[in-house]
Amino acid sequence: MAAITVRNLPEETARALKARAAHSGRSTEAEVREILNAAVRPPVGIGSALAKLGKRVGGVDLSRTRKRSLARAASFES
C-alpha cells in the first residue's frame, strides 16, 4: 500500500477531520482514507444505483409489453 504525507494542513482542517472521524466511529487515518477513496471513485449514475439496489433486494421483473399505439398530445382544455 502507498503512504502519503500531507504537509501544511491547517489546524482547523485537522480538527474538523478528527471530529468527522469521531462522528463516523473511525480513526482520523481511516476517515482520510474514506474521503480520498470517495474523491477518486467514479460517480454512479442513477440507473446503475437502481440496478444495484434491485439486485440487493432480489431483483424486479420489468418485462412489460410495449404499447404500439401513438402517444396523444396533452389537452389542457376542460
Protein backbone atom coordinates (compact mmCIF):
# COMPACT_ATOMS: atom_id res chain seq x y z
CA MET A 1 0.00 0.00 0.00
CA ALA A 2 1.10 3.54 -0.69
CA ALA A 3 1.61 6.10 2.03
CA ILE A 4 1.35 9.87 1.69
CA THR A 5 2.24 12.79 3.89
CA VAL A 6 0.20 15.97 3.82
CA ARG A 7 2.22 19.00 4.81
CA ASN A 8 0.96 22.40 5.93
CA LEU A 9 -2.52 21.17 6.78
CA PRO A 10 -4.33 23.99 8.60
CA GLU A 11 -5.02 23.18 12.25
CA GLU A 12 -8.71 23.93 11.71
CA THR A 13 -8.85 21.27 8.95
CA ALA A 14 -7.08 18.73 11.17
CA ARG A 15 -9.58 19.38 13.98
CA ALA A 16 -12.51 19.05 11.56
CA LEU A 17 -11.13 15.74 10.26
CA LYS A 18 -10.78 14.41 13.81
CA ALA A 19 -14.34 15.46 14.64
CA ARG A 20 -15.69 13.92 11.43
CA ALA A 21 -13.80 10.70 12.15
CA ALA A 22 -15.17 10.52 15.69
CA HIS A 23 -18.69 11.11 14.40
CA SER A 24 -18.23 8.25 11.89
CA GLY A 25 -16.69 5.95 14.50
CA ARG A 26 -13.39 5.76 12.64
CA SER A 27 -9.83 6.79 13.28
CA THR A 28 -8.66 10.01 11.65
CA GLU A 29 -6.48 7.97 9.29
CA ALA A 30 -9.41 5.74 8.28
CA GLU A 31 -11.57 8.83 7.74
CA VAL A 32 -8.96 10.42 5.47
CA ARG A 33 -8.74 7.14 3.50
CA GLU A 34 -12.51 7.12 3.09
CA ILE A 35 -12.54 10.74 1.92
CA LEU A 36 -9.76 10.12 -0.61
CA ASN A 37 -11.38 6.92 -1.91
CA ALA A 38 -14.71 8.70 -2.38
CA ALA A 39 -12.99 11.61 -4.15
CA VAL A 40 -11.45 9.42 -6.85
CA ARG A 41 -14.31 6.93 -7.24
CA PRO A 42 -16.25 7.49 -10.47
CA PRO A 43 -19.76 8.85 -9.90
CA VAL A 44 -22.53 6.26 -10.03
CA GLY A 45 -25.40 7.05 -12.36
CA ILE A 46 -28.99 6.71 -11.19
CA GLY A 47 -29.56 3.69 -13.44
CA SER A 48 -26.56 1.84 -12.02
CA ALA A 49 -27.59 2.70 -8.47
CA LEU A 50 -31.13 1.42 -9.04
CA ALA A 51 -29.85 -1.77 -10.68
CA LYS A 52 -27.55 -2.40 -7.71
CA LEU A 53 -30.42 -1.81 -5.29
CA GLY A 54 -32.66 -4.17 -7.29
CA LYS A 55 -30.04 -6.92 -7.12
CA ARG A 56 -29.69 -6.43 -3.36
CA VAL A 57 -33.42 -6.89 -2.76
CA GLY A 58 -33.76 -9.90 -5.03
CA GLY A 59 -34.44 -8.25 -8.38
CA VAL A 60 -37.56 -6.99 -10.07
CA ASP A 61 -39.43 -8.18 -13.12
CA LEU A 62 -39.54 -5.37 -15.64
CA SER A 63 -40.74 -7.39 -18.60
CA ARG A 64 -43.61 -5.26 -19.83
CA THR A 65 -45.18 -5.27 -23.24
CA ARG A 66 -44.67 -2.05 -25.13
CA LYS A 67 -47.78 -0.30 -26.35
CA ARG A 68 -47.75 0.16 -30.10
CA SER A 69 -50.32 2.97 -30.20
CA LEU A 70 -49.14 6.51 -30.80
CA ALA A 71 -48.94 8.90 -27.90
CA ARG A 72 -51.59 11.60 -27.77
CA ALA A 73 -50.86 15.24 -27.08
CA ALA A 74 -51.99 16.52 -23.70
CA SER A 75 -55.16 18.58 -23.66
CA PHE A 76 -55.46 21.34 -21.11
CA GLU A 77 -58.97 22.40 -22.07
CA SER A 78 -61.82 21.49 -19.77
